[in-house]
Amino acid sequence: MERLVPAWLAETERHDPAAARRARTEWERDSLSARTAEDLAIWVTARVTDTGFNEDEGPHVDGPARITPADKDAVHRWLAGRGHGV
């Protein structure tokens, strides 16, 4: 989480500064709203960059951080453990 959340917040900041401020505040308070939790879950799912394929097999997704399917699963488990539907 500590590695992925800063990348998520930075990308959110570029697209929606108000949402990024809200998300950062909620993250710092360890109290994500349902909307923010959903945004994080969608972001991590869409940003999986390490799929286990090699360069010739594809797909390759450029991203701000190396995100594996296991990272995505960990974020989803973390959110679910805090009562968020994922």
PDB file of N, CA and C in Angstrom:
ATOM      1  N   MET A   1       0.824  -1.191   0.000  1.00  0.00           N
ATOM      2  CA  MET A   1       0.000   0.000   0.000  1.00  0.00           C
ATOM      3  C   MET A   1       0.867   1.254   0.000  1.00  0.00           C
ATOM      4  N   GLU A   2       1.902   1.225   0.812  1.00  0.00           N
ATOM      5  CA  GLU A   2       2.756   2.416   0.926  1.00  0.00           C
ATOM      6  C   GLU A   2       3.452   2.744  -0.396  1.00  0.00           C
ATOM      7  N   ARG A   3       3.657   1.760  -1.226  1.00  0.00           N
ATOM      8  CA  ARG A   3       4.310   1.985  -2.515  1.00  0.00           C
ATOM      9  C   ARG A   3       3.303   2.430  -3.576  1.00  0.00           C
ATOM     10  N   LEU A   4       2.095   1.928  -3.512  1.00  0.00           N
ATOM     11  CA  LEU A   4       1.114   2.185  -4.563  1.00  0.00           C
ATOM     12  C   LEU A   4       0.287   3.445  -4.340  1.00  0.00           C
ATOM     13  N   VAL A   5      -0.049   3.725  -3.107  1.00  0.00           N
ATOM     14  CA  VAL A   5      -0.917   4.873  -2.831  1.00  0.00           C
ATOM     15  C   VAL A   5      -0.299   6.184  -3.317  1.00  0.00           C
ATOM     16  N   PRO A   6       1.002   6.432  -3.097  1.00  0.00           N
ATOM     17  CA  PRO A   6       1.564   7.683  -3.631  1.00  0.00           C
ATOM     18  C   PRO A   6       1.435   7.804  -5.155  1.00  0.00           C
ATOM     19  N   ALA A   7       1.591   6.703  -5.879  1.00  0.00           N
ATOM     20  CA  ALA A   7       1.433   6.736  -7.337  1.00  0.00           C
ATOM     21  C   ALA A   7      -0.014   7.039  -7.707  1.00  0.00           C
ATOM     22  N   TRP A   8      -0.938   6.420  -6.997  1.00  0.00           N
ATOM     23  CA  TRP A   8      -2.368   6.662  -7.234  1.00  0.00           C
ATOM     24  C   TRP A   8      -2.716   8.126  -6.957  1.00  0.00           C
ATOM     25  N   LEU A   9      -2.245   8.647  -5.832  1.00  0.00           N
ATOM     26  CA  LEU A   9      -2.546  10.031  -5.482  1.00  0.00           C
ATOM     27  C   LEU A   9      -1.938  11.003  -6.490  1.00  0.00           C
ATOM     28  N   ALA A  10      -0.714  10.728  -6.945  1.00  0.00           N
ATOM     29  CA  ALA A  10      -0.066  11.610  -7.925  1.00  0.00           C
ATOM     30  C   ALA A  10      -0.844  11.627  -9.237  1.00  0.00           C
ATOM     31  N   GLU A  11      -1.284  10.473  -9.687  1.00  0.00           N
ATOM     32  CA  GLU A  11      -2.051  10.422 -10.932  1.00  0.00           C
ATOM     33  C   GLU A  11      -3.399  11.111 -10.756  1.00  0.00           C
ATOM     34  N   THR A  12      -4.037  10.883  -9.629  1.00  0.00           N
ATOM     35  CA  THR A  12      -5.324  11.536  -9.361  1.00  0.00           C
ATOM     36  C   THR A  12      -5.156  13.047  -9.334  1.00  0.00           C
ATOM     37  N   GLU A  13      -4.064  13.512  -8.747  1.00  0.00           N
ATOM     38  CA  GLU A  13      -3.781  14.950  -8.663  1.00  0.00           C
ATOM     39  C   GLU A  13      -3.723  15.578 -10.060  1.00  0.00           C
ATOM     40  N   ARG A  14      -3.146  14.869 -11.002  1.00  0.00           N
ATOM     41  CA  ARG A  14      -3.034  15.403 -12.375  1.00  0.00           C
ATOM     42  C   ARG A  14      -4.401  15.525 -13.046  1.00  0.00           C
ATOM     43  N   HIS A  15      -5.335  14.644 -12.696  1.00  0.00           N
ATOM     44  CA  HIS A  15      -6.624  14.619 -13.385  1.00  0.00           C
ATOM     45  C   HIS A  15      -7.754  15.309 -12.611  1.00  0.00           C
ATOM     46  N   ASP A  16      -7.674  15.269 -11.292  1.00  0.00           N
ATOM     47  CA  ASP A  16      -8.744  15.840 -10.466  1.00  0.00           C
ATOM     48  C   ASP A  16      -8.164  16.259  -9.114  1.00  0.00           C
ATOM     49  N   PRO A  17      -7.594  17.467  -9.054  1.00  0.00           N
ATOM     50  CA  PRO A  17      -6.936  17.907  -7.819  1.00  0.00           C
ATOM     51  C   PRO A  17      -7.830  17.856  -6.577  1.00  0.00           C
ATOM     52  N   ALA A  18      -9.095  18.186  -6.730  1.00  0.00           N
ATOM     53  CA  ALA A  18      -9.998  18.162  -5.573  1.00  0.00           C
ATOM     54  C   ALA A  18     -10.174  16.738  -5.057  1.00  0.00           C
ATOM     55  N   ALA A  19     -10.340  15.785  -5.963  1.00  0.00           N
ATOM     56  CA  ALA A  19     -10.476  14.380  -5.559  1.00  0.00           C
ATOM     57  C   ALA A  19      -9.190  13.889  -4.906  1.00  0.00           C
ATOM     58  N   ALA A  20      -8.061  14.329  -5.413  1.00  0.00           N
ATOM     59  CA  ALA A  20      -6.775  13.923  -4.831  1.00  0.00           C
ATOM     60  C   ALA A  20      -6.628  14.463  -3.411  1.00  0.00           C
ATOM     61  N   ARG A  21      -7.018  15.706  -3.202  1.00  0.00           N
ATOM     62  CA  ARG A  21      -6.944  16.278  -1.841  1.00  0.00           C
ATOM     63  C   ARG A  21      -7.834  15.486  -0.883  1.00  0.00           C
ATOM     64  N   ARG A  22      -9.048  15.182  -1.340  1.00  0.00           N
ATOM     65  CA  ARG A  22      -9.979  14.412  -0.503  1.00  0.00           C
ATOM     66  C   ARG A  22      -9.397  13.031  -0.201  1.00  0.00           C
ATOM     67  N   ALA A  23      -8.884  12.375  -1.225  1.00  0.00           N
ATOM     68  CA  ALA A  23      -8.328  11.027  -1.047  1.00  0.00           C
ATOM     69  C   ALA A  23      -7.124  11.050  -0.116  1.00  0.00           C
ATOM     70  N   ARG A  24      -6.251  12.040  -0.278  1.00  0.00           N
ATOM     71  CA  ARG A  24      -5.067  12.147   0.584  1.00  0.00           C
ATOM     72  C   ARG A  24      -5.474  12.338   2.047  1.00  0.00           C
ATOM     73  N   THR A  25      -6.441  13.203   2.267  1.00  0.00           N
ATOM     74  CA  THR A  25      -6.922  13.436   3.635  1.00  0.00           C
ATOM     75  C   THR A  25      -7.511  12.160   4.219  1.00  0.00           C
ATOM     76  N   GLU A  26      -8.322  11.471   3.440  1.00  0.00           N
ATOM     77  CA  GLU A  26      -8.933  10.223   3.914  1.00  0.00           C
ATOM     78  C   GLU A  26      -7.858   9.166   4.178  1.00  0.00           C
ATOM     79  N   TRP A  27      -6.861   9.077   3.305  1.00  0.00           N
ATOM     80  CA  TRP A  27      -5.775   8.110   3.487  1.00  0.00           C
ATOM     81  C   TRP A  27      -5.010   8.407   4.776  1.00  0.00           C
ATOM     82  N   GLU A  28      -4.681   9.675   4.980  1.00  0.00           N
ATOM     83  CA  GLU A  28      -3.922  10.061   6.176  1.00  0.00           C
ATOM     84  C   GLU A  28      -4.708   9.792   7.451  1.00  0.00           C
ATOM     85  N   ARG A  29      -6.014   9.847   7.383  1.00  0.00           N
ATOM     86  CA  ARG A  29      -6.878   9.568   8.535  1.00  0.00           C
ATOM     87  C   ARG A  29      -7.247   8.088   8.641  1.00  0.00           C
ATOM     88  N   ASP A  30      -6.759   7.287   7.690  1.00  0.00           N
ATOM     89  CA  ASP A  30      -7.072   5.858   7.628  1.00  0.00           C
ATOM     90  C   ASP A  30      -8.581   5.632   7.646  1.00  0.00           C
ATOM     91  N   SER A  31      -9.264   6.442   6.826  1.00  0.00           N
ATOM     92  CA  SER A  31     -10.723   6.376   6.783  1.00  0.00           C
ATOM     93  C   SER A  31     -11.198   6.693   5.368  1.00  0.00           C
ATOM     94  N   LEU A  32     -11.025   5.733   4.443  1.00  0.00           N
ATOM     95  CA  LEU A  32     -11.440   5.967   3.062  1.00  0.00           C
ATOM     96  C   LEU A  32     -12.953   5.869   2.931  1.00  0.00           C
ATOM     97  N   SER A  33     -13.513   6.823   2.220  1.00  0.00           N
ATOM     98  CA  SER A  33     -14.937   6.762   1.906  1.00  0.00           C
ATOM     99  C   SER A  33     -15.154   5.658   0.871  1.00  0.00           C
ATOM    100  N   ALA A  34     -16.392   5.259   0.685  1.00  0.00           N
ATOM    101  CA  ALA A  34     -16.712   4.239  -0.311  1.00  0.00           C
ATOM    102  C   ALA A  34     -16.287   4.696  -1.707  1.00  0.00           C
ATOM    103  N   ARG A  35     -16.499   5.948  -2.001  1.00  0.00           N
ATOM    104  CA  ARG A  35     -16.127   6.494  -3.320  1.00  0.00           C
ATOM    105  C   ARG A  35     -14.618   6.438  -3.541  1.00  0.00           C
ATOM    106  N   THR A  36     -13.857   6.836  -2.540  1.00  0.00           N
ATOM    107  CA  THR A  36     -12.399   6.826  -2.653  1.00  0.00           C
ATOM    108  C   THR A  36     -11.873   5.399  -2.726  1.00  0.00           C
ATOM    109  N   ALA A  37     -12.438   4.505  -1.946  1.00  0.00           N
ATOM    110  CA  ALA A  37     -12.028   3.095  -1.988  1.00  0.00           C
ATOM    111  C   ALA A  37     -12.294   2.511  -3.371  1.00  0.00           C
ATOM    112  N   GLU A  38     -13.427   2.841  -3.948  1.00  0.00           N
ATOM    113  CA  GLU A  38     -13.745   2.350  -5.287  1.00  0.00           C
ATOM    114  C   GLU A  38     -12.764   2.911  -6.316  1.00  0.00           C
ATOM    115  N   ASP A  39     -12.429   4.194  -6.192  1.00  0.00           N
ATOM    116  CA  ASP A  39     -11.461   4.802  -7.104  1.00  0.00           C
ATOM    117  C   ASP A  39     -10.110   4.090  -7.024  1.00  0.00           C
ATOM    118  N   LEU A  40      -9.657   3.790  -5.812  1.00  0.00           N
ATOM    119  CA  LEU A  40      -8.386   3.094  -5.628  1.00  0.00           C
ATOM    120  C   LEU A  40      -8.450   1.687  -6.225  1.00  0.00           C
ATOM    121  N   ALA A  41      -9.530   0.977  -5.991  1.00  0.00           N
ATOM    122  CA  ALA A  41      -9.676  -0.382  -6.521  1.00  0.00           C
ATOM    123  C   ALA A  41      -9.670  -0.386  -8.044  1.00  0.00           C
ATOM    124  N   ILE A  42     -10.366   0.549  -8.635  1.00  0.00           N
ATOM    125  CA  ILE A  42     -10.404   0.644 -10.098  1.00  0.00           C
ATOM    126  C   ILE A  42      -9.024   1.015 -10.638  1.00  0.00           C
ATOM    127  N   TRP A  43      -8.376   1.976  -9.991  1.00  0.00           N
ATOM    128  CA  TRP A  43      -7.050   2.417 -10.442  1.00  0.00           C
ATOM    129  C   TRP A  43      -6.063   1.263 -10.421  1.00  0.00           C
ATOM    130  N   VAL A  44      -5.984   0.545  -9.306  1.00  0.00           N
ATOM    131  CA  VAL A  44      -4.982  -0.519  -9.211  1.00  0.00           C
ATOM    132  C   VAL A  44      -5.276  -1.642 -10.208  1.00  0.00           C
ATOM    133  N   THR A  45      -6.528  -1.914 -10.460  1.00  0.00           N
ATOM    134  CA  THR A  45      -6.890  -2.941 -11.432  1.00  0.00           C
ATOM    135  C   THR A  45      -6.472  -2.508 -12.843  1.00  0.00           C
ATOM    136  N   ALA A  46      -6.711  -1.275 -13.168  1.00  0.00           N
ATOM    137  CA  ALA A  46      -6.386  -0.768 -14.500  1.00  0.00           C
ATOM    138  C   ALA A  46      -4.892  -0.580 -14.721  1.00  0.00           C
ATOM    139  N   ARG A  47      -4.130  -0.494 -13.649  1.00  0.00           N
ATOM    140  CA  ARG A  47      -2.705  -0.181 -13.769  1.00  0.00           C
ATOM    141  C   ARG A  47      -1.780  -1.380 -13.605  1.00  0.00           C
ATOM    142  N   VAL A  48      -2.318  -2.576 -13.607  1.00  0.00           N
ATOM    143  CA  VAL A  48      -1.447  -3.746 -13.512  1.00  0.00           C
ATOM    144  C   VAL A  48      -0.483  -3.693 -14.695  1.00  0.00           C
ATOM    145  N   THR A  49       0.812  -3.596 -14.389  1.00  0.00           N
ATOM    146  CA  THR A  49       1.828  -3.440 -15.431  1.00  0.00           C
ATOM    147  C   THR A  49       2.707  -4.667 -15.577  1.00  0.00           C
ATOM    148  N   ASP A  50       2.700  -5.517 -14.606  1.00  0.00           N
ATOM    149  CA  ASP A  50       3.546  -6.703 -14.661  1.00  0.00           C
ATOM    150  C   ASP A  50       2.636  -7.914 -14.737  1.00  0.00           C
ATOM    151  N   THR A  51       2.380  -8.361 -15.953  1.00  0.00           N
ATOM    152  CA  THR A  51       1.397  -9.414 -16.163  1.00  0.00           C
ATOM    153  C   THR A  51       2.017 -10.795 -16.266  1.00  0.00           C
ATOM    154  N   GLY A  52       3.355 -10.869 -16.221  1.00  0.00           N
ATOM    155  CA  GLY A  52       4.021 -12.156 -16.369  1.00  0.00           C
ATOM    156  C   GLY A  52       4.338 -12.487 -17.815  1.00  0.00           C
ATOM    157  N   PHE A  53       3.852 -11.684 -18.748  1.00  0.00           N
ATOM    158  CA  PHE A  53       4.195 -11.867 -20.152  1.00  0.00           C
ATOM    159  C   PHE A  53       5.555 -11.244 -20.410  1.00  0.00           C
ATOM    160  N   ASN A  54       6.289 -11.792 -21.366  1.00  0.00           N
ATOM    161  CA  ASN A  54       7.520 -11.106 -21.738  1.00  0.00           C
ATOM    162  C   ASN A  54       7.193 -10.052 -22.789  1.00  0.00           C
ATOM    163  N   GLU A  55       8.172  -9.270 -23.167  1.00  0.00           N
ATOM    164  CA  GLU A  55       7.934  -8.143 -24.054  1.00  0.00           C
ATOM    165  C   GLU A  55       7.325  -8.571 -25.397  1.00  0.00           C
ATOM    166  N   ASP A  56       7.741  -9.726 -25.908  1.00  0.00           N
ATOM    167  CA  ASP A  56       7.229 -10.195 -27.196  1.00  0.00           C
ATOM    168  C   ASP A  56       5.803 -10.724 -27.111  1.00  0.00           C
ATOM    169  N   GLU A  57       5.418 -11.209 -25.938  1.00  0.00           N
ATOM    170  CA  GLU A  57       4.084 -11.783 -25.775  1.00  0.00           C
ATOM    171  C   GLU A  57       3.030 -10.722 -25.499  1.00  0.00           C
ATOM    172  N   GLY A  58       3.464  -9.591 -24.890  1.00  0.00           N
ATOM    173  CA  GLY A  58       2.520  -8.541 -24.520  1.00  0.00           C
ATOM    174  C   GLY A  58       1.561  -9.047 -23.473  1.00  0.00           C
ATOM    175  N   PRO A  59       0.617  -8.336 -22.977  1.00  0.00           N
ATOM    176  CA  PRO A  59       0.545  -6.902 -23.173  1.00  0.00           C
ATOM    177  C   PRO A  59       1.513  -6.172 -22.243  1.00  0.00           C
ATOM    178  N   HIS A  60       1.937  -5.027 -22.659  1.00  0.00           N
ATOM    179  CA  HIS A  60       2.807  -4.200 -21.818  1.00  0.00           C
ATOM    180  C   HIS A  60       2.071  -2.897 -21.545  1.00  0.00           C
ATOM    181  N   VAL A  61       1.970  -2.539 -20.299  1.00  0.00           N
ATOM    182  CA  VAL A  61       1.280  -1.315 -19.906  1.00  0.00           C
ATOM    183  C   VAL A  61       2.277  -0.435 -19.177  1.00  0.00           C
ATOM    184  N   ASP A  62       2.502   0.766 -19.702  1.00  0.00           N
ATOM    185  CA  ASP A  62       3.373   1.706 -19.000  1.00  0.00           C
ATOM    186  C   ASP A  62       2.611   2.273 -17.819  1.00  0.00           C
ATOM    187  N   GLY A  63       3.313   2.471 -16.724  1.00  0.00           N
ATOM    188  CA  GLY A  63       2.652   3.015 -15.551  1.00  0.00           C
ATOM    189  C   GLY A  63       3.636   3.652 -14.608  1.00  0.00           C
ATOM    190  N   PRO A  64       3.115   4.328 -13.596  1.00  0.00           N
ATOM    191  CA  PRO A  64       3.956   5.054 -12.659  1.00  0.00           C
ATOM    192  C   PRO A  64       4.683   4.161 -11.657  1.00  0.00           C
ATOM    193  N   ALA A  65       4.248   2.940 -11.539  1.00  0.00           N
ATOM    194  CA  ALA A  65       4.849   2.000 -10.589  1.00  0.00           C
ATOM    195  C   ALA A  65       4.661   0.601 -11.148  1.00  0.00           C
ATOM    196  N   ARG A  66       5.530  -0.306 -10.747  1.00  0.00           N
ATOM    197  CA  ARG A  66       5.369  -1.707 -11.140  1.00  0.00           C
ATOM    198  C   ARG A  66       4.234  -2.275 -10.300  1.00  0.00           C
ATOM    199  N   ILE A  67       3.181  -2.696 -10.951  1.00  0.00           N
ATOM    200  CA  ILE A  67       2.015  -3.212 -10.244  1.00  0.00           C
ATOM    201  C   ILE A  67       1.714  -4.598 -10.785  1.00  0.00           C
ATOM    202  N   THR A  68       1.774  -5.568  -9.921  1.00  0.00           N
ATOM    203  CA  THR A  68       1.535  -6.952 -10.306  1.00  0.00           C
ATOM    204  C   THR A  68       0.096  -7.344  -9.984  1.00  0.00           C
ATOM    205  N   PRO A  69      -0.370  -8.458 -10.548  1.00  0.00           N
ATOM    206  CA  PRO A  69      -1.686  -8.955 -10.142  1.00  0.00           C
ATOM    207  C   PRO A  69      -1.754  -9.205  -8.630  1.00  0.00           C
ATOM    208  N   ALA A  70      -0.640  -9.626  -8.034  1.00  0.00           N
ATOM    209  CA  ALA A  70      -0.623  -9.837  -6.574  1.00  0.00           C
ATOM    210  C   ALA A  70      -0.795  -8.519  -5.829  1.00  0.00           C
ATOM    211  N   ASP A  71      -0.208  -7.431  -6.359  1.00  0.00           N
ATOM    212  CA  ASP A  71      -0.407  -6.108  -5.752  1.00  0.00           C
ATOM    213  C   ASP A  71      -1.874  -5.727  -5.792  1.00  0.00           C
ATOM    214  N   LYS A  72      -2.493  -5.949  -6.956  1.00  0.00           N
ATOM    215  CA  LYS A  72      -3.921  -5.637  -7.103  1.00  0.00           C
ATOM    216  C   LYS A  72      -4.736  -6.426  -6.082  1.00  0.00           C
ATOM    217  N   ASP A  73      -4.440  -7.711  -5.975  1.00  0.00           N
ATOM    218  CA  ASP A  73      -5.165  -8.549  -5.018  1.00  0.00           C
ATOM    219  C   ASP A  73      -4.951  -8.057  -3.591  1.00  0.00           C
ATOM    220  N   ALA A  74      -3.732  -7.640  -3.275  1.00  0.00           N
ATOM    221  CA  ALA A  74      -3.431  -7.143  -1.925  1.00  0.00           C
ATOM    222  C   ALA A  74      -4.229  -5.875  -1.627  1.00  0.00           C
ATOM    223  N   VAL A  75      -4.318  -4.982  -2.597  1.00  0.00           N
ATOM    224  CA  VAL A  75      -5.101  -3.751  -2.396  1.00  0.00           C
ATOM    225  C   VAL A  75      -6.571  -4.106  -2.202  1.00  0.00           C
ATOM    226  N   HIS A  76      -7.076  -5.004  -3.017  1.00  0.00           N
ATOM    227  CA  HIS A  76      -8.486  -5.402  -2.891  1.00  0.00           C
ATOM    228  C   HIS A  76      -8.741  -6.052  -1.524  1.00  0.00           C
ATOM    229  N   ARG A  77      -7.811  -6.908  -1.073  1.00  0.00           N
ATOM    230  CA  ARG A  77      -7.964  -7.524   0.261  1.00  0.00           C
ATOM    231  C   ARG A  77      -7.930  -6.457   1.353  1.00  0.00           C
ATOM    232  N   TRP A  78      -7.006  -5.508   1.231  1.00  0.00           N
ATOM    233  CA  TRP A  78      -6.884  -4.438   2.206  1.00  0.00           C
ATOM    234  C   TRP A  78      -8.187  -3.644   2.295  1.00  0.00           C
ATOM    235  N   LEU A  79      -8.750  -3.301   1.134  1.00  0.00           N
ATOM    236  CA  LEU A  79     -10.007  -2.573   1.117  1.00  0.00           C
ATOM    237  C   LEU A  79     -11.146  -3.400   1.708  1.00  0.00           C
ATOM    238  N   ALA A  80     -11.219  -4.672   1.307  1.00  0.00           N
ATOM    239  CA  ALA A  80     -12.271  -5.547   1.837  1.00  0.00           C
ATOM    240  C   ALA A  80     -12.139  -5.722   3.350  1.00  0.00           C
ATOM    241  N   GLY A  81     -10.917  -5.784   3.829  1.00  0.00           N
ATOM    242  CA  GLY A  81     -10.683  -5.908   5.263  1.00  0.00           C
ATOM    243  C   GLY A  81     -11.152  -4.693   6.056  1.00  0.00           C
ATOM    244  N   ARG A  82     -11.356  -3.598   5.359  1.00  0.00           N
ATOM    245  CA  ARG A  82     -11.858  -2.385   5.992  1.00  0.00           C
ATOM    246  C   ARG A  82     -13.327  -2.142   5.651  1.00  0.00           C
ATOM    247  N   GLY A  83     -13.978  -3.197   5.154  1.00  0.00           N
ATOM    248  CA  GLY A  83     -15.424  -3.138   4.938  1.00  0.00           C
ATOM    249  C   GLY A  83     -15.867  -2.602   3.603  1.00  0.00           C
ATOM    250  N   HIS A  84     -14.949  -2.411   2.667  1.00  0.00           N
ATOM    251  CA  HIS A  84     -15.321  -1.900   1.358  1.00  0.00           C
ATOM    252  C   HIS A  84     -15.609  -3.048   0.412  1.00  0.00           C
ATOM    253  N   GLY A  85     -16.694  -2.924  -0.343  1.00  0.00           N
ATOM    254  CA  GLY A  85     -16.990  -3.895  -1.373  1.00  0.00           C
ATOM    255  C   GLY A  85     -16.038  -3.680  -2.543  1.00  0.00           C
ATOM    256  N   VAL A  86     -15.459  -4.738  -3.008  1.00  0.00           N
ATOM    257  CA  VAL A  86     -14.503  -4.616  -4.120  1.00  0.00           C
ATOM    258  C   VAL A  86     -14.976  -5.481  -5.258  1.00  0.00           C
TER     259      VAL A  86
END
